[in-house]
C-alpha atoms as a PDB file:
ATOM      1  CA  MET A   1      99.488 100.925  90.148  1.00  0.00           C
ATOM      2  CA  ARG A   2     102.255  99.397  88.890  1.00  0.00           C
ATOM      3  CA  ALA A   3     106.018  99.932  88.484  1.00  0.00           C
ATOM      4  CA  ILE A   4     108.724  98.944  87.243  1.00  0.00           C
ATOM      5  CA  VAL A   5     112.469  99.163  88.142  1.00  0.00           C
ATOM      6  CA  LEU A   6     114.506 100.518  84.825  1.00  0.00           C
ATOM      7  CA  GLY A   7     117.861 101.054  86.826  1.00  0.00           C
ATOM      8  CA  ALA A   8     118.979  99.566  90.015  1.00  0.00           C
ATOM      9  CA  ALA A   9     122.438 100.985  90.410  1.00  0.00           C
ATOM     10  CA  ALA A  10     124.470 104.243  91.424  1.00  0.00           C
ATOM     11  CA  GLY A  11     125.997 106.504  89.747  1.00  0.00           C
ATOM     12  CA  GLY A  12     128.134 104.657  86.789  1.00  0.00           C
ATOM     13  CA  GLY A  13     126.282 101.739  86.730  1.00  0.00           C
ATOM     14  CA  PHE A  14     127.330  97.893  87.181  1.00  0.00           C
ATOM     15  CA  PRO A  15     130.011  97.072  86.119  1.00  0.00           C
ATOM     16  CA  GLN A  16     130.928 100.531  86.268  1.00  0.00           C
ATOM     17  CA  TRP A  17     133.517 101.287  82.881  1.00  0.00           C
ATOM     18  CA  ASN A  18     136.439 102.052  84.547  1.00  0.00           C
ATOM     19  CA  ALA A  19     136.407  99.797  87.998  1.00  0.00           C
ATOM     20  CA  ALA A  20     138.081  96.908  87.987  1.00  0.00           C
ATOM     21  CA  SER A  21     136.997  95.529  91.939  1.00  0.00           C
ATOM     22  CA  GLU A  22     136.236  91.657  91.747  1.00  0.00           C
ATOM     23  CA  ALA A  23     132.035  92.403  91.872  1.00  0.00           C
ATOM     24  CA  CYS A  24     132.884  94.454  88.494  1.00  0.00           C
ATOM     25  CA  ARG A  25     134.979  91.236  86.737  1.00  0.00           C
ATOM     26  CA  ARG A  26     132.534  88.580  87.865  1.00  0.00           C
ATOM     27  CA  ALA A  27     129.303  91.310  86.511  1.00  0.00           C
ATOM     28  CA  ARG A  28     131.341  91.428  83.004  1.00  0.00           C
ATOM     29  CA  ALA A  29     132.645  87.613  83.070  1.00  0.00           C
ATOM     30  CA  GLY A  30     128.730  87.001  83.252  1.00  0.00           C
ATOM     31  CA  ASP A  31     128.855  85.680  86.592  1.00  0.00           C
ATOM     32  CA  PRO A  32     124.701  85.224  87.880  1.00  0.00           C
ATOM     33  CA  ALA A  33     125.319  86.227  91.367  1.00  0.00           C
ATOM     34  CA  ALA A  34     126.929  89.571  89.901  1.00  0.00           C
ATOM     35  CA  ARG A  35     123.540  90.430  87.549  1.00  0.00           C
ATOM     36  CA  PRO A  36     124.788  93.776  85.614  1.00  0.00           C
ATOM     37  CA  ALA A  37     122.933  97.068  86.399  1.00  0.00           C
ATOM     38  CA  THR A  38     121.823 100.621  84.760  1.00  0.00           C
ATOM     39  CA  GLN A  39     121.566 103.727  86.483  1.00  0.00           C
ATOM     40  CA  ALA A  40     119.051 104.084  89.131  1.00  0.00           C
ATOM     41  CA  ALA A  41     115.436 105.081  87.956  1.00  0.00           C
ATOM     42  CA  LEU A  42     111.625 103.779  88.015  1.00  0.00           C
ATOM     43  CA  ALA A  43     108.482 103.722  85.674  1.00  0.00           C
ATOM     44  CA  VAL A  44     105.562 104.037  87.511  1.00  0.00           C
ATOM     45  CA  SER A  45     101.691 104.136  85.909  1.00  0.00           C
ATOM     46  CA  ALA A  46      97.970 103.938  87.204  1.00  0.00           C
ATOM     47  CA  GLU A  47      97.069 101.482  84.630  1.00  0.00           C
ATOM     48  CA  GLY A  48      99.638 100.516  82.995  1.00  0.00           C
ATOM     49  CA  GLU A  49      99.461 103.075  79.225  1.00  0.00           C
ATOM     50  CA  ARG A  50     100.808 105.501  80.160  1.00  0.00           C
ATOM     51  CA  TRP A  51     103.988 106.391  82.935  1.00  0.00           C
ATOM     52  CA  LEU A  52     105.953 108.888  84.913  1.00  0.00           C
ATOM     53  CA  VAL A  53     109.576 108.232  84.468  1.00  0.00           C
ATOM     54  CA  VAL A  54     111.205 108.979  88.122  1.00  0.00           C
ATOM     55  CA  GLU A  55     115.186 109.699  87.106  1.00  0.00           C
ATOM     56  CA  ALA A  56     116.173 110.518  83.804  1.00  0.00           C
ATOM     57  CA  SER A  57     119.539 107.987  83.968  1.00  0.00           C
ATOM     58  CA  PRO A  58     122.241 108.471  81.265  1.00  0.00           C
ATOM     59  CA  ASP A  59     121.137 104.869  80.095  1.00  0.00           C
ATOM     60  CA  LEU A  60     117.646 105.922  79.457  1.00  0.00           C
ATOM     61  CA  ARG A  61     117.766 104.731  76.190  1.00  0.00           C
ATOM     62  CA  GLN A  62     118.842 101.343  76.955  1.00  0.00           C
ATOM     63  CA  GLN A  63     116.213 101.072  79.622  1.00  0.00           C
ATOM     64  CA  ILE A  64     113.133 101.988  77.623  1.00  0.00           C
ATOM     65  CA  GLU A  65     114.405  99.270  74.957  1.00  0.00           C
ATOM     66  CA  ALA A  66     114.721  96.772  78.008  1.00  0.00           C
ATOM     67  CA  THR A  67     111.393  97.796  78.752  1.00  0.00           C
ATOM     68  CA  PRO A  68     108.364  96.633  76.579  1.00  0.00           C
ATOM     69  CA  ALA A  69     105.389  98.520  78.458  1.00  0.00           C
ATOM     70  CA  LEU A  70     107.619 101.896  77.092  1.00  0.00           C
ATOM     71  CA  TRP A  71     108.177 101.237  73.309  1.00  0.00           C
ATOM     72  CA  PRO A  72     106.454 103.327  71.118  1.00  0.00           C
ATOM     73  CA  ARG A  73     102.994 101.910  69.726  1.00  0.00           C
ATOM     74  CA  ARG A  74     101.589 104.479  67.103  1.00  0.00           C
ATOM     75  CA  ALA A  75     103.696 105.028  63.858  1.00  0.00           C
ATOM     76  CA  PRO A  76     105.908 107.510  62.764  1.00  0.00           C
ATOM     77  CA  ARG A  77     106.602 108.199  66.446  1.00  0.00           C
ATOM     78  CA  SER A  78     105.472 108.137  69.685  1.00  0.00           C
ATOM     79  CA  SER A  79     105.672 107.159  73.535  1.00  0.00           C
ATOM     80  CA  PRO A  80     103.633 105.892  76.545  1.00  0.00           C
ATOM     81  CA  ILE A  81     106.637 108.272  78.498  1.00  0.00           C
ATOM     82  CA  ALA A  82     103.823 110.707  79.421  1.00  0.00           C
ATOM     83  CA  ALA A  83     106.160 112.646  82.314  1.00  0.00           C
ATOM     84  CA  VAL A  84     109.641 112.415  83.413  1.00  0.00           C
ATOM     85  CA  LEU A  85     110.634 114.158  86.866  1.00  0.00           C
ATOM     86  CA  PRO A  86     114.267 113.967  88.077  1.00  0.00           C
ATOM     87  CA  THR A  87     114.610 114.241  91.609  1.00  0.00           C
ATOM     88  CA  ASN A  88     118.104 115.815  92.035  1.00  0.00           C
ATOM     89  CA  GLY A  89     120.439 117.838  89.221  1.00  0.00           C
ATOM     90  CA  GLU A  90     122.718 115.359  88.993  1.00  0.00           C
ATOM     91  CA  ILE A  91     123.603 113.665  85.777  1.00  0.00           C
ATOM     92  CA  ASP A  92     122.774 110.770  86.971  1.00  0.00           C
ATOM     93  CA  SER A  93     119.414 112.228  87.579  1.00  0.00           C
ATOM     94  CA  ILE A  94     119.231 114.575  84.610  1.00  0.00           C
ATOM     95  CA  GLY A  95     121.612 113.018  81.938  1.00  0.00           C
ATOM     96  CA  GLY A  96     118.898 111.138  80.382  1.00  0.00           C
ATOM     97  CA  LEU A  97     116.926 113.915  78.980  1.00  0.00           C
ATOM     98  CA  LEU A  98     118.951 114.448  76.202  1.00  0.00           C
ATOM     99  CA  HIS A  99     118.272 110.753  74.968  1.00  0.00           C
ATOM    100  CA  LEU A 100     114.377 112.369  74.894  1.00  0.00           C
ATOM    101  CA  ARG A 101     115.559 115.360  72.267  1.00  0.00           C
ATOM    102  CA  GLU A 102     113.502 113.878  68.893  1.00  0.00           C
ATOM    103  CA  GLY A 103     109.689 115.661  69.330  1.00  0.00           C
ATOM    104  CA  THR A 104     107.909 113.285  71.402  1.00  0.00           C
ATOM    105  CA  ALA A 105     105.743 115.319  73.736  1.00  0.00           C
ATOM    106  CA  PHE A 106     106.207 114.568  77.639  1.00  0.00           C
ATOM    107  CA  ALA A 107     105.761 116.712  80.763  1.00  0.00           C
ATOM    108  CA  LEU A 108     109.020 117.734  83.060  1.00  0.00           C
ATOM    109  CA  TRP A 109     108.311 118.383  86.498  1.00  0.00           C
ATOM    110  CA  ALA A 110     110.926 118.936  88.728  1.00  0.00           C
ATOM    111  CA  HIS A 111     111.777 121.364  91.985  1.00  0.00           C
ATOM    112  CA  PRO A 112     112.288 124.743  90.725  1.00  0.00           C
ATOM    113  CA  ARG A 113     115.984 124.580  92.033  1.00  0.00           C
ATOM    114  CA  ILE A 114     116.104 121.964  89.403  1.00  0.00           C
ATOM    115  CA  LEU A 115     114.072 123.474  86.700  1.00  0.00           C
ATOM    116  CA  ALA A 116     116.096 126.668  87.498  1.00  0.00           C
ATOM    117  CA  LEU A 117     119.425 124.669  87.155  1.00  0.00           C
ATOM    118  CA  LEU A 118     118.109 122.957  83.533  1.00  0.00           C
ATOM    119  CA  ASP A 119     117.334 126.588  82.768  1.00  0.00           C
ATOM    120  CA  ALA A 120     120.836 127.927  83.403  1.00  0.00           C
ATOM    121  CA  ASN A 121     122.255 125.162  80.781  1.00  0.00           C
ATOM    122  CA  PRO A 122     121.489 125.865  77.489  1.00  0.00           C
ATOM    123  CA  VAL A 123     122.214 122.108  76.113  1.00  0.00           C
ATOM    124  CA  PHE A 124     119.213 121.082  77.681  1.00  0.00           C
ATOM    125  CA  GLU A 125     117.142 123.446  75.051  1.00  0.00           C
ATOM    126  CA  VAL A 126     117.161 120.182  72.973  1.00  0.00           C
ATOM    127  CA  VAL A 127     114.213 118.954  74.679  1.00  0.00           C
ATOM    128  CA  ASP A 128     111.818 121.544  73.450  1.00  0.00           C
ATOM    129  CA  ARG A 129     109.983 123.468  75.576  1.00  0.00           C
ATOM    130  CA  ARG A 130     107.161 123.974  73.149  1.00  0.00           C
ATOM    131  CA  ILE A 131     105.974 120.308  73.448  1.00  0.00           C
ATOM    132  CA  VAL A 132     107.806 119.657  77.097  1.00  0.00           C
ATOM    133  CA  PRO A 133     106.537 122.038  79.233  1.00  0.00           C
ATOM    134  CA  ARG A 134     108.891 122.452  82.571  1.00  0.00           C
ATOM    135  CA  ARG A 135     106.084 122.309  85.544  1.00  0.00           C
ATOM    136  CA  PRO A 136     107.387 122.767  89.001  1.00  0.00           C
ATOM    137  CA  LEU A 137     106.813 120.156  91.593  1.00  0.00           C
ATOM    138  CA  VAL A 138     106.042 122.039  94.935  1.00  0.00           C
ATOM    139  CA  LEU A 139     107.592 120.611  98.286  1.00  0.00           C
ATOM    140  CA  ASP A 140     104.817 118.876 100.980  1.00  0.00           C
ATOM    141  CA  ARG A 141     101.750 119.438  98.608  1.00  0.00           C
ATOM    142  CA  TRP A 142     100.376 116.414  96.645  1.00  0.00           C
ATOM    143  CA  VAL A 143     100.000 117.018  93.216  1.00  0.00           C
ATOM    144  CA  SER A 144      98.415 115.212  89.811  1.00  0.00           C
ATOM    145  CA  ILE A 145     100.827 114.902  87.645  1.00  0.00           C
ATOM    146  CA  GLU A 146      99.645 115.464  84.022  1.00  0.00           C
ATOM    147  CA  ASP A 147     101.208 114.984  80.392  1.00  0.00           C
ATOM    148  CA  ALA A 148     102.118 117.503  78.241  1.00  0.00           C
ATOM    149  CA  ALA A 149      98.631 118.354  77.089  1.00  0.00           C
ATOM    150  CA  GLY A 150      97.500 118.878  81.005  1.00  0.00           C
ATOM    151  CA  ALA A 151      95.748 115.613  81.116  1.00  0.00           C
ATOM    152  CA  PRO A 152      95.713 113.465  84.285  1.00  0.00           C
ATOM    153  CA  LEU A 153      97.963 110.363  84.536  1.00  0.00           C
ATOM    154  CA  GLY A 154      95.729 109.040  87.707  1.00  0.00           C
ATOM    155  CA  LEU A 155      99.053 110.020  89.635  1.00  0.00           C
ATOM    156  CA  GLU A 156      99.381 112.150  92.606  1.00  0.00           C
ATOM    157  CA  VAL A 157     102.865 112.925  93.486  1.00  0.00           C
ATOM    158  CA  ARG A 158     103.798 114.626  97.179  1.00  0.00           C
ATOM    159  CA  ALA A 159     107.449 115.626  97.248  1.00  0.00           C
ATOM    160  CA  PHE A 160     109.538 116.220 100.156  1.00  0.00           C
ATOM    161  CA  ALA A 161     112.927 117.160 100.809  1.00  0.00           C
ATOM    162  CA  VAL A 162     115.541 115.180 101.803  1.00  0.00           C
ATOM    163  CA  ALA A 163     119.245 115.672 103.518  1.00  0.00           C
ATOM    164  CA  GLY A 164     121.749 115.774 100.170  1.00  0.00           C
ATOM    165  CA  LYS A 165     123.484 118.527  98.569  1.00  0.00           C
ATOM    166  CA  PRO A 166     124.148 120.234  95.088  1.00  0.00           C
ATOM    167  CA  PRO A 167     125.057 118.340  92.333  1.00  0.00           C
ATOM    168  CA  LEU A 168     128.926 117.394  91.739  1.00  0.00           C
ATOM    169  CA  PHE A 169     129.335 119.421  88.940  1.00  0.00           C
ATOM    170  CA  LEU A 170     128.338 122.946  90.545  1.00  0.00           C
ATOM    171  CA  GLU A 171     131.082 121.883  93.793  1.00  0.00           C
ATOM    172  CA  LYS A 172     133.778 121.439  90.712  1.00  0.00           C
ATOM    173  CA  ALA A 173     132.738 124.682  89.212  1.00  0.00           C
ATOM    174  CA  ALA A 174     133.454 126.078  92.329  1.00  0.00           C
ATOM    175  CA  ARG A 175     136.638 125.994  92.690  1.00  0.00           C
ATOM    176  CA  SER A 176     137.842 130.048  93.322  1.00  0.00           C
ATOM    177  CA  GLY A 177     135.263 129.242  95.866  1.00  0.00           C
ATOM    178  CA  PRO A 178     133.330 127.379  98.654  1.00  0.00           C
ATOM    179  CA  PRO A 179     130.635 125.608  96.958  1.00  0.00           C
ATOM    180  CA  PRO A 180     127.346 126.035  96.876  1.00  0.00           C
ATOM    181  CA  ALA A 181     125.609 125.793 100.574  1.00  0.00           C
ATOM    182  CA  PRO A 182     122.567 122.920 100.403  1.00  0.00           C
ATOM    183  CA  GLU A 183     118.930 124.235 100.007  1.00  0.00           C
ATOM    184  CA  PRO A 184     115.982 122.257 100.440  1.00  0.00           C
ATOM    185  CA  GLY A 185     114.640 120.832  96.771  1.00  0.00           C
ATOM    186  CA  ASP A 186     118.310 120.263  95.945  1.00  0.00           C
ATOM    187  CA  VAL A 187     117.692 116.312  96.392  1.00  0.00           C
ATOM    188  CA  ILE A 188     113.911 115.012  97.323  1.00  0.00           C
ATOM    189  CA  GLY A 189     112.386 112.086  98.137  1.00  0.00           C
ATOM    190  CA  LEU A 190     108.457 111.073  96.379  1.00  0.00           C
ATOM    191  CA  GLU A 191     105.246 109.788  98.022  1.00  0.00           C
ATOM    192  CA  ILE A 192     103.133 108.775  94.896  1.00  0.00           C
ATOM    193  CA  ARG A 193      99.834 107.478  95.319  1.00  0.00           C
ATOM    194  CA  ALA A 194      97.276 105.661  92.722  1.00  0.00           C
ATOM    195  CA  GLY A 195      94.304 103.336  93.231  1.00  0.00           C
ATOM    196  CA  GLY A 196      94.543 103.819  97.101  1.00  0.00           C
ATOM    197  CA  ARG A 197      98.099 102.302  97.152  1.00  0.00           C
ATOM    198  CA  ARG A 198     101.432 104.302  98.365  1.00  0.00           C
ATOM    199  CA  LEU A 199     104.830 103.896  96.480  1.00  0.00           C
ATOM    200  CA  VAL A 200     107.283 105.670  97.945  1.00  0.00           C
ATOM    201  CA  TRP A 201     111.084 106.702  95.993  1.00  0.00           C
ATOM    202  CA  ILE A 202     114.225 107.732  98.122  1.00  0.00           C
ATOM    203  CA  ALA A 203     116.784 106.813  96.060  1.00  0.00           C
ATOM    204  CA  ASN A 204     119.456 109.707  97.092  1.00  0.00           C
ATOM    205  CA  CYS A 205     119.440 110.874 101.147  1.00  0.00           C
ATOM    206  CA  GLY A 206     122.189 111.629 103.310  1.00  0.00           C
ATOM    207  CA  ARG A 207     120.349 111.231 106.454  1.00  0.00           C
ATOM    208  CA  LEU A 208     117.190 109.162 107.853  1.00  0.00           C
ATOM    209  CA  ASP A 209     115.535 111.413 109.948  1.00  0.00           C
ATOM    210  CA  GLY A 210     112.276 111.560 111.346  1.00  0.00           C
ATOM    211  CA  THR A 211     110.658 113.032 108.666  1.00  0.00           C
ATOM    212  CA  VAL A 212     111.615 110.992 106.378  1.00  0.00           C
ATOM    213  CA  LEU A 213     110.741 107.871 108.372  1.00  0.00           C
ATOM    214  CA  GLU A 214     106.879 109.532 108.994  1.00  0.00           C
ATOM    215  CA  ARG A 215     106.697 109.546 105.070  1.00  0.00           C
ATOM    216  CA  CYS A 216     107.958 105.813 104.663  1.00  0.00           C
ATOM    217  CA  ALA A 217     105.541 104.188 107.486  1.00  0.00           C
ATOM    218  CA  GLY A 218     102.945 102.194 105.897  1.00  0.00           C
ATOM    219  CA  ALA A 219     104.093 102.401 102.352  1.00  0.00           C
ATOM    220  CA  ASP A 220     102.652  99.632  99.640  1.00  0.00           C
ATOM    221  CA  LEU A 221     106.375  99.643  98.385  1.00  0.00           C
ATOM    222  CA  LEU A 222     109.617 101.485  99.517  1.00  0.00           C
ATOM    223  CA  PHE A 223     112.681 102.266  97.750  1.00  0.00           C
ATOM    224  CA  VAL A 224     115.231 103.623  99.361  1.00  0.00           C
ATOM    225  CA  ASP A 225     119.106 105.261  98.982  1.00  0.00           C
ATOM    226  CA  GLY A 226     121.309 101.793  99.109  1.00  0.00           C
ATOM    227  CA  THR A 227     124.444 103.168  97.562  1.00  0.00           C
ATOM    228  CA  LEU A 228     126.720 102.086 100.177  1.00  0.00           C
ATOM    229  CA  TRP A 229     127.449  99.474 102.584  1.00  0.00           C
ATOM    230  CA  ARG A 230     129.662 101.474 105.094  1.00  0.00           C
ATOM    231  CA  ASP A 231     129.794 105.074 105.355  1.00  0.00           C
ATOM    232  CA  ASP A 232     133.479 105.188 104.961  1.00  0.00           C
ATOM    233  CA  GLU A 233     133.196 102.104 101.769  1.00  0.00           C
ATOM    234  CA  LEU A 234     135.190 104.667  99.270  1.00  0.00           C
ATOM    235  CA  LEU A 235     137.745 105.584 101.931  1.00  0.00           C
ATOM    236  CA  ARG A 236     138.421 102.099 102.789  1.00  0.00           C
ATOM    237  CA  ALA A 237     138.520 101.961  98.354  1.00  0.00           C
ATOM    238  CA  GLY A 238     140.917 104.539  98.445  1.00  0.00           C
ATOM    239  CA  ILE A 239     138.493 105.953  95.070  1.00  0.00           C
ATOM    240  CA  ALA A 240     137.040 109.215  96.688  1.00  0.00           C
ATOM    241  CA  ALA A 241     138.373 111.381  99.925  1.00  0.00           C
ATOM    242  CA  ARG A 242     134.807 111.747 101.564  1.00  0.00           C
ATOM    243  CA  THR A 243     132.121 109.767 103.285  1.00  0.00           C
ATOM    244  CA  GLY A 244     128.973 108.517 102.300  1.00  0.00           C
ATOM    245  CA  ARG A 245     127.058 110.939 104.271  1.00  0.00           C
ATOM    246  CA  GLU A 246     129.578 113.685 102.793  1.00  0.00           C
ATOM    247  CA  MET A 247     128.475 112.516  99.182  1.00  0.00           C
ATOM    248  CA  GLY A 248     124.827 112.536 100.577  1.00  0.00           C
ATOM    249  CA  HIS A 249     124.194 108.933 100.954  1.00  0.00           C
ATOM    250  CA  VAL A 250     123.479 106.999 104.083  1.00  0.00           C
ATOM    251  CA  ALA A 251     124.925 103.781 104.655  1.00  0.00           C
ATOM    252  CA  VAL A 252     123.176 100.423 104.801  1.00  0.00           C
ATOM    253  CA  ASP A 253     125.088  99.025 107.280  1.00  0.00           C
ATOM    254  CA  GLY A 254     125.394 101.023 110.717  1.00  0.00           C
ATOM    255  CA  PRO A 255     123.358 102.023 113.794  1.00  0.00           C
ATOM    256  CA  GLU A 256     122.411 104.906 112.167  1.00  0.00           C
ATOM    257  CA  GLY A 257     121.989 103.039 108.860  1.00  0.00           C
ATOM    258  CA  VAL A 258     119.085 102.010 106.654  1.00  0.00           C
ATOM    259  CA  LEU A 259     118.610  98.551 108.403  1.00  0.00           C
ATOM    260  CA  ALA A 260     118.887 100.311 111.793  1.00  0.00           C
ATOM    261  CA  ARG A 261     116.746 102.992 110.982  1.00  0.00           C
ATOM    262  CA  LEU A 262     114.011 101.476 108.771  1.00  0.00           C
ATOM    263  CA  GLY A 263     113.984  98.039 109.709  1.00  0.00           C
ATOM    264  CA  PRO A 264     111.099  98.865 112.594  1.00  0.00           C
ATOM    265  CA  VAL A 265     109.292 101.034 110.259  1.00  0.00           C
ATOM    266  CA  PRO A 266     106.065  99.155 108.618  1.00  0.00           C
ATOM    267  CA  ALA A 267     106.071  98.914 105.239  1.00  0.00           C
ATOM    268  CA  GLY A 268     104.609  96.323 102.506  1.00  0.00           C
ATOM    269  CA  ARG A 269     108.045  95.757 100.532  1.00  0.00           C
ATOM    270  CA  LYS A 270     111.404  97.433 101.277  1.00  0.00           C
ATOM    271  CA  ILE A 271     113.655  97.776  98.668  1.00  0.00           C
ATOM    272  CA  LEU A 272     117.594  98.812  98.285  1.00  0.00           C
ATOM    273  CA  VAL A 273     118.425 101.047  95.224  1.00  0.00           C
ATOM    274  CA  HIS A 274     120.993 102.938  93.582  1.00  0.00           C
ATOM    275  CA  ILE A 275     123.342 100.632  94.824  1.00  0.00           C
ATOM    276  CA  ASN A 276     126.910 101.340  94.326  1.00  0.00           C
ATOM    277  CA  ASN A 277     129.606  98.866  92.567  1.00  0.00           C
ATOM    278  CA  THR A 278     131.615  99.179  95.864  1.00  0.00           C
ATOM    279  CA  ASN A 279     128.748  97.975  97.784  1.00  0.00           C
ATOM    280  CA  PRO A 280     128.727  93.819  98.747  1.00  0.00           C
ATOM    281  CA  VAL A 281     124.962  93.477  98.134  1.00  0.00           C
ATOM    282  CA  LEU A 282     124.962  93.399  94.389  1.00  0.00           C
ATOM    283  CA  LEU A 283     126.465  90.316  94.863  1.00  0.00           C
ATOM    284  CA  ALA A 284     123.707  87.234  95.449  1.00  0.00           C
ATOM    285  CA  ASP A 285     126.532  85.216  97.318  1.00  0.00           C
ATOM    286  CA  ALA A 286     127.420  87.821  99.233  1.00  0.00           C
ATOM    287  CA  PRO A 287     126.884  87.327 103.017  1.00  0.00           C
ATOM    288  CA  GLU A 288     125.677  91.196 103.495  1.00  0.00           C
ATOM    289  CA  ARG A 289     123.111  90.715 101.097  1.00  0.00           C
ATOM    290  CA  THR A 290     121.626  87.727 103.240  1.00  0.00           C
ATOM    291  CA  LEU A 291     121.945  90.032 106.218  1.00  0.00           C
ATOM    292  CA  VAL A 292     119.721  92.396 104.193  1.00  0.00           C
ATOM    293  CA  GLU A 293     117.123  89.784 103.425  1.00  0.00           C
ATOM    294  CA  ARG A 294     117.389  88.384 107.012  1.00  0.00           C
ATOM    295  CA  ALA A 295     116.113  92.146 107.498  1.00  0.00           C
ATOM    296  CA  GLY A 296     113.410  91.957 106.029  1.00  0.00           C
ATOM    297  CA  PHE A 297     114.873  94.395 102.808  1.00  0.00           C
ATOM    298  CA  GLU A 298     115.297  93.404  98.825  1.00  0.00           C
ATOM    299  CA  VAL A 299     118.156  94.282  96.519  1.00  0.00           C
ATOM    300  CA  ALA A 300     116.878  95.941  93.624  1.00  0.00           C
ATOM    301  CA  THR A 301     117.081  94.594  89.921  1.00  0.00           C
ATOM    302  CA  ASP A 302     116.796  95.905  86.665  1.00  0.00           C
ATOM    303  CA  GLY A 303     113.308  95.261  85.397  1.00  0.00           C
ATOM    304  CA  LEU A 304     112.104  94.116  88.379  1.00  0.00           C
ATOM    305  CA  ALA A 305     108.071  94.543  87.729  1.00  0.00           C
ATOM    306  CA  ILE A 306     105.678  94.997  90.870  1.00  0.00           C
ATOM    307  CA  ASP A 307     101.920  95.370  90.229  1.00  0.00           C
ATOM    308  CA  LEU A 308     100.139  97.297  93.463  1.00  0.00           C
ATOM    309  CA  ARG A 309      96.569  96.485  92.933  1.00  0.00           C
ATOM    310  CA  GLY A 310      94.228  98.499  94.842  1.00  0.00           C
ATOM    311  CA  ASP A 311      91.572  96.193  95.419  1.00  0.00           C
ATOM    312  CA  GLN A 312      94.150  93.957  97.470  1.00  0.00           C
ATOM    313  CA  PRO A 313      93.679  93.701 100.865  1.00  0.00           C
END
């Protein structure tokens, strides 16, 4: 199994278009310690030929062009992207579907709540469902991922519910009443396995409870929500009125944070992903980056490629 990080940053990317923080200024200036990143997404393949893209980031076109493994190989049009799987209904996760509207077949897998959200928005009909079938992903059950023609990719996926909330645009749409209540399936994590190896992807998660920790245990490769360093980060910066947990993101630091909760959990590699432009771990020379690395974690970067060979000990 092979995995490629298409994007490492949270919504808005790094630097974010309207952010003038020191970190964003350093990234724009070309500081090598402030490496730019697109919005979080992952490509996974069992054999390096046909790929599952996890999260349809708004930066997807840019990510494809930066990743030779995803380039078309046959004229006039083709793509090695055989399936796409968004894990939530935020624009960060589904907006990139609109880049895939030019008539090449792939399968769109998602939880029924997310499929219903896409069905309700006619703009997504430009991704022609006659050649892009929409397939429901059932929670807590291993599913063989297939392409549009029904051919297996050699990847099995088990989706599981994580603490989260409905998309922000649905909250904003409910101005005359309370926002929609969270339900299982609003945000999911994924276990992906092939060749005796297992990868876990949890790019958005409001709480690392015992069930989530069990999913992570023993994974050969673990990607976990690294959006914020501290829970009140956006409050302190004066750019949001809610804590990270209220927005559906567990902090990296703190007694209930990623380092404390996942640090003792055995896994092959632990990598922070979906990192907001306010999080100092984006900076290679930040003391927070040193703390993360000492705790046995890595910070994702765009283009990071990992080969999980099934014959490894």
